[in-house]
Amino acid sequence: MIALRTARIEDREAIEALIARSARVLSAGFYSDEQVTSLLRFVFGADTQLIRDGTYFVGHTDAGVLVAAGGWSRRRTLYGGDVMKGAQDPLLDPTREAARIRAFFVHPEWARQGLGRRIFGQCLEATRAAGFGTLALVATMPGEPLYRALGFRVTERVDLTLPDGVTVPVAHMVRPVMERSAAGAGA
């Protein structure tokens, strides 16, 4: 059984390893090796602001091995870890702006076993309690099927051009907090 808990700063190294493993294996067939390498270099990585805010969750085995991570944010940043963020990350206004769903990664050996859905359930309850009415995210192509199953819809497809010139297709997605998804992860 996988237990969920709020991430701690001391989890950072394990989160980084989980992200790298998840991205390299689960992106196969969606992104090239060059695209994944560029994402890991310039975008993916632990976001310590999420951890400090108490809005990032991890799933771990009985032995304490991290096998899933993901969270939400009440801050302006829409995606990316510490490696790409500036010093400022202002708070959002829940009456006018969408909470962010952020940085979901699952270890390949634990993929498609409901861990992302469980973490999303925690995020959904927390965003509701914080007064947000809408959720927004930027989905990578491997993540889009999960988010669709959770009731998100694509609002825009864009090509993200990274600092090394590599282009990566992503999708901006939204959903109301109170929506009930077809897969049962709703309000």
N, C-alpha and C. Protein backbone atom coordinates (compact mmCIF):
# COMPACT_ATOMS: atom_id res chain seq x y z
N MET A 1 0.85 -1.18 0.00
CA MET A 1 0.00 0.00 0.00
C MET A 1 0.89 1.25 0.00
N ILE A 2 0.49 2.22 -0.78
CA ILE A 2 1.23 3.47 -0.86
C ILE A 2 0.53 4.50 0.02
N ALA A 3 1.28 5.10 0.92
CA ALA A 3 0.76 6.15 1.79
C ALA A 3 1.08 7.51 1.18
N LEU A 4 0.18 8.46 1.35
CA LEU A 4 0.40 9.83 0.90
C LEU A 4 0.68 10.73 2.09
N ARG A 5 1.57 11.70 1.88
CA ARG A 5 1.84 12.69 2.92
C ARG A 5 2.32 13.96 2.25
N THR A 6 2.34 15.03 3.01
CA THR A 6 2.87 16.30 2.53
C THR A 6 4.39 16.17 2.40
N ALA A 7 4.92 16.66 1.29
CA ALA A 7 6.36 16.60 1.06
C ALA A 7 7.11 17.49 2.05
N ARG A 8 8.34 17.10 2.34
CA ARG A 8 9.22 17.86 3.23
C ARG A 8 10.48 18.24 2.45
N ILE A 9 11.14 19.29 2.89
CA ILE A 9 12.36 19.76 2.21
C ILE A 9 13.38 18.63 2.10
N GLU A 10 13.49 17.79 3.11
CA GLU A 10 14.47 16.70 3.04
C GLU A 10 14.11 15.65 1.98
N ASP A 11 12.92 15.74 1.37
CA ASP A 11 12.53 14.84 0.27
C ASP A 11 13.07 15.32 -1.08
N ARG A 12 13.64 16.51 -1.11
CA ARG A 12 14.00 17.13 -2.38
C ARG A 12 14.85 16.23 -3.28
N GLU A 13 15.87 15.63 -2.75
CA GLU A 13 16.74 14.77 -3.57
C GLU A 13 15.97 13.57 -4.13
N ALA A 14 15.15 12.95 -3.31
CA ALA A 14 14.35 11.81 -3.77
C ALA A 14 13.31 12.25 -4.81
N ILE A 15 12.75 13.44 -4.64
CA ILE A 15 11.80 13.98 -5.62
C ILE A 15 12.51 14.20 -6.95
N GLU A 16 13.70 14.77 -6.91
CA GLU A 16 14.48 14.99 -8.14
C GLU A 16 14.75 13.66 -8.87
N ALA A 17 15.11 12.64 -8.12
CA ALA A 17 15.37 11.32 -8.73
C ALA A 17 14.09 10.73 -9.32
N LEU A 18 12.98 10.87 -8.60
CA LEU A 18 11.70 10.38 -9.09
C LEU A 18 11.32 11.10 -10.38
N ILE A 19 11.47 12.41 -10.42
CA ILE A 19 11.13 13.18 -11.61
C ILE A 19 11.95 12.72 -12.81
N ALA A 20 13.25 12.56 -12.63
CA ALA A 20 14.11 12.13 -13.73
C ALA A 20 13.71 10.75 -14.25
N ARG A 21 13.48 9.83 -13.35
CA ARG A 21 13.11 8.47 -13.76
C ARG A 21 11.76 8.47 -14.47
N SER A 22 10.79 9.15 -13.89
CA SER A 22 9.45 9.22 -14.48
C SER A 22 9.50 9.85 -15.87
N ALA A 23 10.18 10.97 -15.99
CA ALA A 23 10.24 11.68 -17.27
C ALA A 23 10.92 10.84 -18.34
N ARG A 24 12.03 10.22 -17.99
CA ARG A 24 12.78 9.45 -18.99
C ARG A 24 11.99 8.23 -19.48
N VAL A 25 11.32 7.54 -18.59
CA VAL A 25 10.64 6.31 -18.98
C VAL A 25 9.23 6.57 -19.53
N LEU A 26 8.45 7.38 -18.83
CA LEU A 26 7.05 7.55 -19.22
C LEU A 26 6.84 8.52 -20.38
N SER A 27 7.88 9.24 -20.77
CA SER A 27 7.77 10.13 -21.93
C SER A 27 8.06 9.42 -23.24
N ALA A 28 8.56 8.19 -23.17
CA ALA A 28 8.87 7.43 -24.38
C ALA A 28 7.60 7.31 -25.23
N GLY A 29 7.76 7.59 -26.52
CA GLY A 29 6.63 7.54 -27.43
C GLY A 29 5.89 8.87 -27.53
N PHE A 30 6.14 9.77 -26.60
CA PHE A 30 5.54 11.10 -26.64
C PHE A 30 6.57 12.16 -27.03
N TYR A 31 7.76 12.06 -26.42
CA TYR A 31 8.82 13.02 -26.64
C TYR A 31 10.10 12.28 -27.00
N SER A 32 10.96 12.95 -27.75
CA SER A 32 12.27 12.38 -28.08
C SER A 32 13.18 12.46 -26.86
N ASP A 33 14.29 11.73 -26.90
CA ASP A 33 15.29 11.80 -25.82
C ASP A 33 15.80 13.24 -25.67
N GLU A 34 15.99 13.92 -26.80
CA GLU A 34 16.46 15.31 -26.76
C GLU A 34 15.45 16.21 -26.03
N GLN A 35 14.17 16.03 -26.30
CA GLN A 35 13.15 16.83 -25.63
C GLN A 35 13.11 16.55 -24.13
N VAL A 36 13.18 15.28 -23.75
CA VAL A 36 13.16 14.93 -22.33
C VAL A 36 14.38 15.49 -21.62
N THR A 37 15.55 15.36 -22.23
CA THR A 37 16.77 15.89 -21.64
C THR A 37 16.66 17.40 -21.43
N SER A 38 16.12 18.09 -22.41
CA SER A 38 15.96 19.54 -22.30
C SER A 38 14.95 19.89 -21.22
N LEU A 39 13.84 19.17 -21.14
CA LEU A 39 12.86 19.40 -20.08
C LEU A 39 13.49 19.20 -18.70
N LEU A 40 14.27 18.16 -18.55
CA LEU A 40 14.93 17.90 -17.26
C LEU A 40 15.95 18.99 -16.93
N ARG A 41 16.59 19.53 -17.94
CA ARG A 41 17.60 20.56 -17.70
C ARG A 41 16.99 21.92 -17.38
N PHE A 42 15.90 22.27 -18.06
CA PHE A 42 15.39 23.64 -17.97
C PHE A 42 14.02 23.80 -17.30
N VAL A 43 13.26 22.72 -17.14
CA VAL A 43 11.89 22.87 -16.63
C VAL A 43 11.62 21.97 -15.43
N PHE A 44 11.76 20.68 -15.61
CA PHE A 44 11.39 19.73 -14.56
C PHE A 44 12.34 19.82 -13.37
N GLY A 45 11.82 19.53 -12.21
CA GLY A 45 12.62 19.51 -11.00
C GLY A 45 11.76 19.88 -9.81
N ALA A 46 12.29 19.65 -8.66
CA ALA A 46 11.55 19.99 -7.44
C ALA A 46 11.32 21.49 -7.36
N ASP A 47 10.15 21.86 -6.87
CA ASP A 47 9.82 23.26 -6.62
C ASP A 47 9.72 23.42 -5.11
N THR A 48 10.77 23.95 -4.51
CA THR A 48 10.80 24.04 -3.05
C THR A 48 9.77 25.01 -2.50
N GLN A 49 9.27 25.93 -3.33
CA GLN A 49 8.19 26.82 -2.86
C GLN A 49 6.93 26.01 -2.58
N LEU A 50 6.62 25.06 -3.45
CA LEU A 50 5.46 24.19 -3.21
C LEU A 50 5.63 23.40 -1.92
N ILE A 51 6.83 22.91 -1.71
CA ILE A 51 7.10 22.14 -0.49
C ILE A 51 6.96 23.03 0.73
N ARG A 52 7.56 24.22 0.69
CA ARG A 52 7.45 25.15 1.82
C ARG A 52 6.00 25.57 2.08
N ASP A 53 5.21 25.70 1.01
CA ASP A 53 3.81 26.09 1.15
C ASP A 53 2.93 24.95 1.68
N GLY A 54 3.48 23.72 1.70
CA GLY A 54 2.69 22.58 2.17
C GLY A 54 1.65 22.12 1.16
N THR A 55 1.89 22.40 -0.13
CA THR A 55 0.92 22.04 -1.17
C THR A 55 1.43 20.98 -2.13
N TYR A 56 2.54 20.33 -1.75
CA TYR A 56 3.10 19.27 -2.59
C TYR A 56 3.06 17.98 -1.80
N PHE A 57 2.62 16.92 -2.45
CA PHE A 57 2.41 15.64 -1.79
C PHE A 57 3.28 14.56 -2.42
N VAL A 58 3.64 13.58 -1.61
CA VAL A 58 4.39 12.43 -2.12
C VAL A 58 3.69 11.15 -1.69
N GLY A 59 3.83 10.14 -2.53
CA GLY A 59 3.38 8.80 -2.21
C GLY A 59 4.61 7.96 -1.95
N HIS A 60 4.58 7.17 -0.87
CA HIS A 60 5.76 6.37 -0.53
C HIS A 60 5.37 4.96 -0.12
N THR A 61 6.31 4.06 -0.31
CA THR A 61 6.12 2.67 0.10
C THR A 61 6.30 2.57 1.61
N ASP A 62 6.03 1.39 2.15
CA ASP A 62 6.25 1.15 3.58
C ASP A 62 7.71 1.37 3.96
N ALA A 63 8.61 1.14 3.00
CA ALA A 63 10.04 1.34 3.25
C ALA A 63 10.46 2.81 3.09
N GLY A 64 9.52 3.67 2.75
CA GLY A 64 9.83 5.10 2.63
C GLY A 64 10.30 5.53 1.26
N VAL A 65 10.26 4.66 0.26
CA VAL A 65 10.70 5.00 -1.09
C VAL A 65 9.61 5.82 -1.79
N LEU A 66 9.98 6.99 -2.30
CA LEU A 66 9.01 7.84 -2.99
C LEU A 66 8.71 7.26 -4.37
N VAL A 67 7.41 7.10 -4.66
CA VAL A 67 6.99 6.54 -5.94
C VAL A 67 6.03 7.45 -6.69
N ALA A 68 5.60 8.53 -6.07
CA ALA A 68 4.71 9.48 -6.74
C ALA A 68 4.84 10.84 -6.07
N ALA A 69 4.59 11.89 -6.85
CA ALA A 69 4.61 13.25 -6.30
C ALA A 69 3.71 14.13 -7.16
N GLY A 70 3.16 15.13 -6.54
CA GLY A 70 2.34 16.09 -7.26
C GLY A 70 1.72 17.06 -6.29
N GLY A 71 1.24 18.18 -6.81
CA GLY A 71 0.66 19.14 -5.90
C GLY A 71 -0.13 20.22 -6.59
N TRP A 72 -0.39 21.26 -5.83
CA TRP A 72 -1.13 22.41 -6.31
C TRP A 72 -0.46 23.66 -5.76
N SER A 73 -0.83 24.80 -6.32
CA SER A 73 -0.23 26.03 -5.84
C SER A 73 -1.23 27.17 -5.86
N ARG A 74 -1.07 28.03 -4.90
CA ARG A 74 -1.84 29.28 -4.83
C ARG A 74 -0.99 30.43 -5.35
N ARG A 75 0.10 30.08 -6.05
CA ARG A 75 1.04 31.08 -6.58
C ARG A 75 0.96 31.15 -8.10
N ARG A 76 1.50 32.22 -8.64
CA ARG A 76 1.38 32.54 -10.07
C ARG A 76 2.07 31.53 -10.99
N THR A 77 3.20 30.95 -10.58
CA THR A 77 3.93 30.03 -11.44
C THR A 77 3.02 28.91 -11.91
N LEU A 78 3.03 28.66 -13.23
CA LEU A 78 2.16 27.65 -13.81
C LEU A 78 2.86 26.29 -13.97
N TYR A 79 4.17 26.30 -14.14
CA TYR A 79 4.89 25.05 -14.28
C TYR A 79 6.38 25.30 -14.04
N GLY A 80 7.10 24.22 -13.82
CA GLY A 80 8.55 24.29 -13.69
C GLY A 80 9.04 24.27 -12.26
N GLY A 81 10.21 23.71 -12.09
CA GLY A 81 10.83 23.61 -10.77
C GLY A 81 11.71 24.80 -10.47
N ASP A 82 12.48 24.67 -9.41
CA ASP A 82 13.38 25.74 -8.97
C ASP A 82 14.32 26.20 -10.08
N VAL A 83 14.70 25.28 -10.94
CA VAL A 83 15.68 25.56 -11.98
C VAL A 83 15.23 26.68 -12.93
N MET A 84 13.93 26.91 -13.04
CA MET A 84 13.46 27.92 -14.00
C MET A 84 12.74 29.10 -13.37
N LYS A 85 12.61 29.12 -12.07
CA LYS A 85 11.82 30.16 -11.42
C LYS A 85 12.66 31.36 -11.02
N GLY A 86 12.00 32.51 -11.04
CA GLY A 86 12.62 33.73 -10.54
C GLY A 86 12.40 33.83 -9.04
N ALA A 87 12.85 34.90 -8.46
CA ALA A 87 12.74 35.10 -7.02
C ALA A 87 11.31 35.35 -6.57
N GLN A 88 10.51 36.01 -7.41
CA GLN A 88 9.15 36.35 -7.04
C GLN A 88 8.17 35.29 -7.53
N ASP A 89 7.23 34.91 -6.70
CA ASP A 89 6.16 33.99 -7.07
C ASP A 89 4.93 34.41 -6.30
N PRO A 90 4.28 35.50 -6.75
CA PRO A 90 3.19 36.09 -5.98
C PRO A 90 1.97 35.17 -5.85
N LEU A 91 1.20 35.44 -4.81
CA LEU A 91 -0.02 34.69 -4.55
C LEU A 91 -1.11 35.06 -5.55
N LEU A 92 -1.97 34.10 -5.83
CA LEU A 92 -3.12 34.30 -6.70
C LEU A 92 -4.32 34.76 -5.87
N ASP A 93 -5.27 35.38 -6.52
CA ASP A 93 -6.53 35.76 -5.89
C ASP A 93 -7.54 34.66 -6.22
N PRO A 94 -7.95 33.85 -5.22
CA PRO A 94 -8.85 32.73 -5.51
C PRO A 94 -10.21 33.14 -6.06
N THR A 95 -10.61 34.39 -5.87
CA THR A 95 -11.90 34.83 -6.40
C THR A 95 -11.83 35.17 -7.89
N ARG A 96 -10.61 35.36 -8.42
CA ARG A 96 -10.47 35.75 -9.83
C ARG A 96 -9.55 34.84 -10.64
N GLU A 97 -8.69 34.09 -9.96
CA GLU A 97 -7.66 33.33 -10.67
C GLU A 97 -7.74 31.85 -10.33
N ALA A 98 -7.18 31.05 -11.21
CA ALA A 98 -7.20 29.60 -11.04
C ALA A 98 -6.01 29.11 -10.22
N ALA A 99 -6.28 28.18 -9.31
CA ALA A 99 -5.20 27.49 -8.62
C ALA A 99 -4.43 26.67 -9.65
N ARG A 100 -3.17 26.42 -9.38
CA ARG A 100 -2.33 25.66 -10.30
C ARG A 100 -2.19 24.21 -9.83
N ILE A 101 -2.35 23.29 -10.75
CA ILE A 101 -2.02 21.89 -10.49
C ILE A 101 -0.62 21.72 -11.04
N ARG A 102 0.27 21.15 -10.22
CA ARG A 102 1.69 21.23 -10.54
C ARG A 102 2.44 19.92 -10.35
N ALA A 103 3.34 19.65 -11.26
CA ALA A 103 4.45 18.71 -11.11
C ALA A 103 4.05 17.32 -10.64
N PHE A 104 3.18 16.67 -11.40
CA PHE A 104 2.80 15.29 -11.09
C PHE A 104 3.78 14.34 -11.79
N PHE A 105 4.38 13.46 -11.00
CA PHE A 105 5.31 12.46 -11.52
C PHE A 105 5.10 11.17 -10.76
N VAL A 106 5.14 10.04 -11.48
CA VAL A 106 4.97 8.73 -10.87
C VAL A 106 6.11 7.84 -11.35
N HIS A 107 6.65 7.06 -10.43
CA HIS A 107 7.69 6.10 -10.80
C HIS A 107 7.10 5.13 -11.82
N PRO A 108 7.83 4.81 -12.88
CA PRO A 108 7.29 3.94 -13.93
C PRO A 108 6.75 2.61 -13.43
N GLU A 109 7.35 2.02 -12.40
CA GLU A 109 6.86 0.74 -11.88
C GLU A 109 5.54 0.88 -11.14
N TRP A 110 5.16 2.10 -10.82
CA TRP A 110 3.91 2.36 -10.09
C TRP A 110 2.90 3.12 -10.95
N ALA A 111 3.21 3.33 -12.23
CA ALA A 111 2.33 4.09 -13.12
C ALA A 111 1.01 3.34 -13.35
N ARG A 112 -0.02 4.11 -13.57
CA ARG A 112 -1.36 3.62 -13.91
C ARG A 112 -1.96 2.73 -12.83
N GLN A 113 -1.65 3.09 -11.58
CA GLN A 113 -2.22 2.37 -10.44
C GLN A 113 -3.02 3.31 -9.53
N GLY A 114 -3.38 4.47 -10.05
CA GLY A 114 -4.24 5.39 -9.31
C GLY A 114 -3.53 6.38 -8.41
N LEU A 115 -2.21 6.41 -8.41
CA LEU A 115 -1.49 7.33 -7.52
C LEU A 115 -1.68 8.79 -7.91
N GLY A 116 -1.63 9.08 -9.20
CA GLY A 116 -1.87 10.45 -9.66
C GLY A 116 -3.28 10.89 -9.30
N ARG A 117 -4.23 10.02 -9.46
CA ARG A 117 -5.63 10.31 -9.12
C ARG A 117 -5.78 10.58 -7.62
N ARG A 118 -5.09 9.79 -6.80
CA ARG A 118 -5.17 9.99 -5.34
C ARG A 118 -4.56 11.34 -4.94
N ILE A 119 -3.40 11.66 -5.51
CA ILE A 119 -2.78 12.94 -5.20
C ILE A 119 -3.68 14.08 -5.68
N PHE A 120 -4.26 13.93 -6.87
CA PHE A 120 -5.17 14.96 -7.36
C PHE A 120 -6.36 15.14 -6.40
N GLY A 121 -6.86 14.07 -5.85
CA GLY A 121 -7.96 14.18 -4.88
C GLY A 121 -7.59 15.06 -3.70
N GLN A 122 -6.37 14.92 -3.21
CA GLN A 122 -5.90 15.77 -2.11
C GLN A 122 -5.80 17.23 -2.56
N CYS A 123 -5.30 17.44 -3.77
CA CYS A 123 -5.19 18.79 -4.31
C CYS A 123 -6.57 19.42 -4.48
N LEU A 124 -7.50 18.66 -4.98
CA LEU A 124 -8.85 19.17 -5.21
C LEU A 124 -9.49 19.62 -3.91
N GLU A 125 -9.39 18.81 -2.88
CA GLU A 125 -9.96 19.19 -1.58
C GLU A 125 -9.29 20.44 -1.03
N ALA A 126 -7.98 20.53 -1.17
CA ALA A 126 -7.25 21.69 -0.64
C ALA A 126 -7.59 22.97 -1.40
N THR A 127 -7.72 22.88 -2.73
CA THR A 127 -8.06 24.07 -3.50
C THR A 127 -9.48 24.52 -3.20
N ARG A 128 -10.36 23.59 -3.00
CA ARG A 128 -11.74 23.92 -2.62
C ARG A 128 -11.74 24.64 -1.27
N ALA A 129 -11.01 24.10 -0.31
CA ALA A 129 -10.94 24.71 1.03
C ALA A 129 -10.31 26.10 0.98
N ALA A 130 -9.41 26.33 0.02
CA ALA A 130 -8.75 27.63 -0.11
C ALA A 130 -9.60 28.64 -0.88
N GLY A 131 -10.77 28.21 -1.36
CA GLY A 131 -11.70 29.13 -2.01
C GLY A 131 -11.53 29.30 -3.51
N PHE A 132 -10.73 28.45 -4.15
CA PHE A 132 -10.56 28.55 -5.60
C PHE A 132 -11.75 27.91 -6.32
N GLY A 133 -12.12 28.49 -7.46
CA GLY A 133 -13.21 27.95 -8.25
C GLY A 133 -12.76 27.24 -9.50
N THR A 134 -11.51 27.47 -9.88
CA THR A 134 -10.99 26.91 -11.13
C THR A 134 -9.58 26.38 -10.90
N LEU A 135 -9.23 25.35 -11.65
CA LEU A 135 -7.89 24.78 -11.65
C LEU A 135 -7.29 24.94 -13.04
N ALA A 136 -6.00 25.22 -13.11
CA ALA A 136 -5.30 25.34 -14.38
C ALA A 136 -3.98 24.59 -14.30
N LEU A 137 -3.50 24.13 -15.45
CA LEU A 137 -2.22 23.44 -15.52
C LEU A 137 -1.68 23.49 -16.92
N VAL A 138 -0.41 23.17 -17.04
CA VAL A 138 0.21 22.93 -18.33
C VAL A 138 0.60 21.46 -18.33
N ALA A 139 0.01 20.71 -19.25
CA ALA A 139 0.24 19.27 -19.32
C ALA A 139 1.28 18.92 -20.37
N THR A 140 2.17 18.03 -19.99
CA THR A 140 3.03 17.41 -20.99
C THR A 140 2.17 16.39 -21.72
N MET A 141 2.60 15.93 -22.86
CA MET A 141 1.83 14.97 -23.62
C MET A 141 1.61 13.65 -22.85
N PRO A 142 2.61 13.13 -22.09
CA PRO A 142 2.34 11.92 -21.33
C PRO A 142 1.31 12.14 -20.22
N GLY A 143 1.21 13.36 -19.70
CA GLY A 143 0.27 13.64 -18.61
C GLY A 143 -1.13 13.97 -19.05
N GLU A 144 -1.29 14.37 -20.30
CA GLU A 144 -2.61 14.82 -20.76
C GLU A 144 -3.71 13.78 -20.58
N PRO A 145 -3.50 12.49 -20.86
CA PRO A 145 -4.59 11.53 -20.66
C PRO A 145 -5.11 11.47 -19.21
N LEU A 146 -4.20 11.56 -18.24
CA LEU A 146 -4.63 11.58 -16.84
C LEU A 146 -5.50 12.80 -16.58
N TYR A 147 -5.05 13.96 -17.00
CA TYR A 147 -5.79 15.18 -16.72
C TYR A 147 -7.15 15.20 -17.42
N ARG A 148 -7.21 14.65 -18.62
CA ARG A 148 -8.52 14.54 -19.30
C ARG A 148 -9.45 13.64 -18.47
N ALA A 149 -8.93 12.53 -17.99
CA ALA A 149 -9.73 11.62 -17.17
C ALA A 149 -10.20 12.27 -15.87
N LEU A 150 -9.47 13.28 -15.40
CA LEU A 150 -9.82 13.99 -14.18
C LEU A 150 -10.74 15.18 -14.45
N GLY A 151 -11.18 15.33 -15.70
CA GLY A 151 -12.15 16.38 -16.03
C GLY A 151 -11.58 17.66 -16.60
N PHE A 152 -10.28 17.71 -16.85
CA PHE A 152 -9.68 18.90 -17.45
C PHE A 152 -9.95 18.90 -18.95
N ARG A 153 -10.01 20.11 -19.52
CA ARG A 153 -10.14 20.25 -20.97
C ARG A 153 -9.01 21.14 -21.48
N VAL A 154 -8.58 20.86 -22.68
CA VAL A 154 -7.52 21.63 -23.32
C VAL A 154 -8.09 22.97 -23.75
N THR A 155 -7.40 24.06 -23.39
CA THR A 155 -7.79 25.39 -23.85
C THR A 155 -6.85 25.90 -24.93
N GLU A 156 -5.63 25.38 -24.95
CA GLU A 156 -4.66 25.83 -25.94
C GLU A 156 -3.51 24.83 -26.01
N ARG A 157 -3.05 24.58 -27.22
CA ARG A 157 -1.84 23.78 -27.43
C ARG A 157 -0.74 24.74 -27.86
N VAL A 158 0.42 24.59 -27.24
CA VAL A 158 1.54 25.47 -27.57
C VAL A 158 2.82 24.65 -27.67
N ASP A 159 3.77 25.21 -28.38
CA ASP A 159 5.11 24.64 -28.44
C ASP A 159 5.98 25.48 -27.52
N LEU A 160 6.49 24.86 -26.50
CA LEU A 160 7.37 25.50 -25.53
C LEU A 160 8.79 25.42 -26.07
N THR A 161 9.41 26.57 -26.33
CA THR A 161 10.79 26.59 -26.82
C THR A 161 11.71 26.83 -25.63
N LEU A 162 12.57 25.87 -25.37
CA LEU A 162 13.46 25.91 -24.22
C LEU A 162 14.75 26.65 -24.57
N PRO A 163 15.54 27.05 -23.57
CA PRO A 163 16.74 27.86 -23.81
C PRO A 163 17.75 27.27 -24.80
N ASP A 164 17.75 25.95 -24.97
CA ASP A 164 18.68 25.34 -25.92
C ASP A 164 18.09 25.22 -27.32
N GLY A 165 16.88 25.81 -27.52
CA GLY A 165 16.24 25.78 -28.82
C GLY A 165 15.33 24.59 -29.06
N VAL A 166 15.32 23.63 -28.16
CA VAL A 166 14.45 22.46 -28.29
C VAL A 166 13.01 22.90 -28.06
N THR A 167 12.12 22.42 -28.92
CA THR A 167 10.71 22.74 -28.83
C THR A 167 9.95 21.52 -28.31
N VAL A 168 9.04 21.77 -27.34
CA VAL A 168 8.28 20.70 -26.71
C VAL A 168 6.80 21.06 -26.74
N PRO A 169 5.94 20.23 -27.35
CA PRO A 169 4.51 20.52 -27.34
C PRO A 169 3.90 20.24 -25.95
N VAL A 170 3.07 21.18 -25.49
CA VAL A 170 2.36 21.05 -24.22
C VAL A 170 0.94 21.55 -24.42
N ALA A 171 0.09 21.31 -23.43
CA ALA A 171 -1.30 21.75 -23.51
C ALA A 171 -1.69 22.50 -22.25
N HIS A 172 -2.28 23.67 -22.41
CA HIS A 172 -2.89 24.39 -21.29
C HIS A 172 -4.26 23.76 -21.07
N MET A 173 -4.57 23.45 -19.81
CA MET A 173 -5.83 22.78 -19.48
C MET A 173 -6.47 23.44 -18.26
N VAL A 174 -7.80 23.37 -18.18
CA VAL A 174 -8.54 23.91 -17.04
C VAL A 174 -9.69 22.99 -16.68
N ARG A 175 -10.20 23.19 -15.46
CA ARG A 175 -11.44 22.54 -15.03
C ARG A 175 -11.96 23.29 -13.82
N PRO A 176 -13.27 23.32 -13.65
CA PRO A 176 -13.83 23.91 -12.43
C PRO A 176 -13.53 23.02 -11.23
N VAL A 177 -13.36 23.62 -10.08
CA VAL A 177 -13.12 22.85 -8.86
C VAL A 177 -14.31 21.94 -8.55
N MET A 178 -15.51 22.43 -8.74
CA MET A 178 -16.70 21.67 -8.35
C MET A 178 -17.16 20.66 -9.38
N GLU A 179 -16.52 20.59 -10.53
CA GLU A 179 -16.91 19.64 -11.57
C GLU A 179 -16.68 18.22 -11.12
N ARG A 180 -17.57 17.36 -11.52
CA ARG A 180 -17.40 15.94 -11.25
C ARG A 180 -16.87 15.29 -12.51
N SER A 181 -15.69 14.71 -12.44
CA SER A 181 -15.10 14.12 -13.65
C SER A 181 -15.77 12.79 -13.96
N ALA A 182 -15.68 12.40 -15.20
CA ALA A 182 -16.24 11.13 -15.63
C ALA A 182 -15.61 9.96 -14.89
N ALA A 183 -14.39 10.13 -14.46
CA ALA A 183 -13.67 9.05 -13.78
C ALA A 183 -13.92 9.05 -12.26
N GLY A 184 -14.74 9.96 -11.77
CA GLY A 184 -15.11 9.94 -10.37
C GLY A 184 -14.21 10.71 -9.43
N ALA A 185 -13.33 11.54 -9.93
CA ALA A 185 -12.43 12.29 -9.05
C ALA A 185 -12.92 13.71 -8.88
N GLY A 186 -14.20 13.88 -8.72
CA GLY A 186 -14.76 15.24 -8.67
C GLY A 186 -15.19 15.65 -7.29
N ALA A 187 -16.01 16.66 -7.29
CA ALA A 187 -16.47 17.28 -6.06
C ALA A 187 -17.36 16.40 -5.23
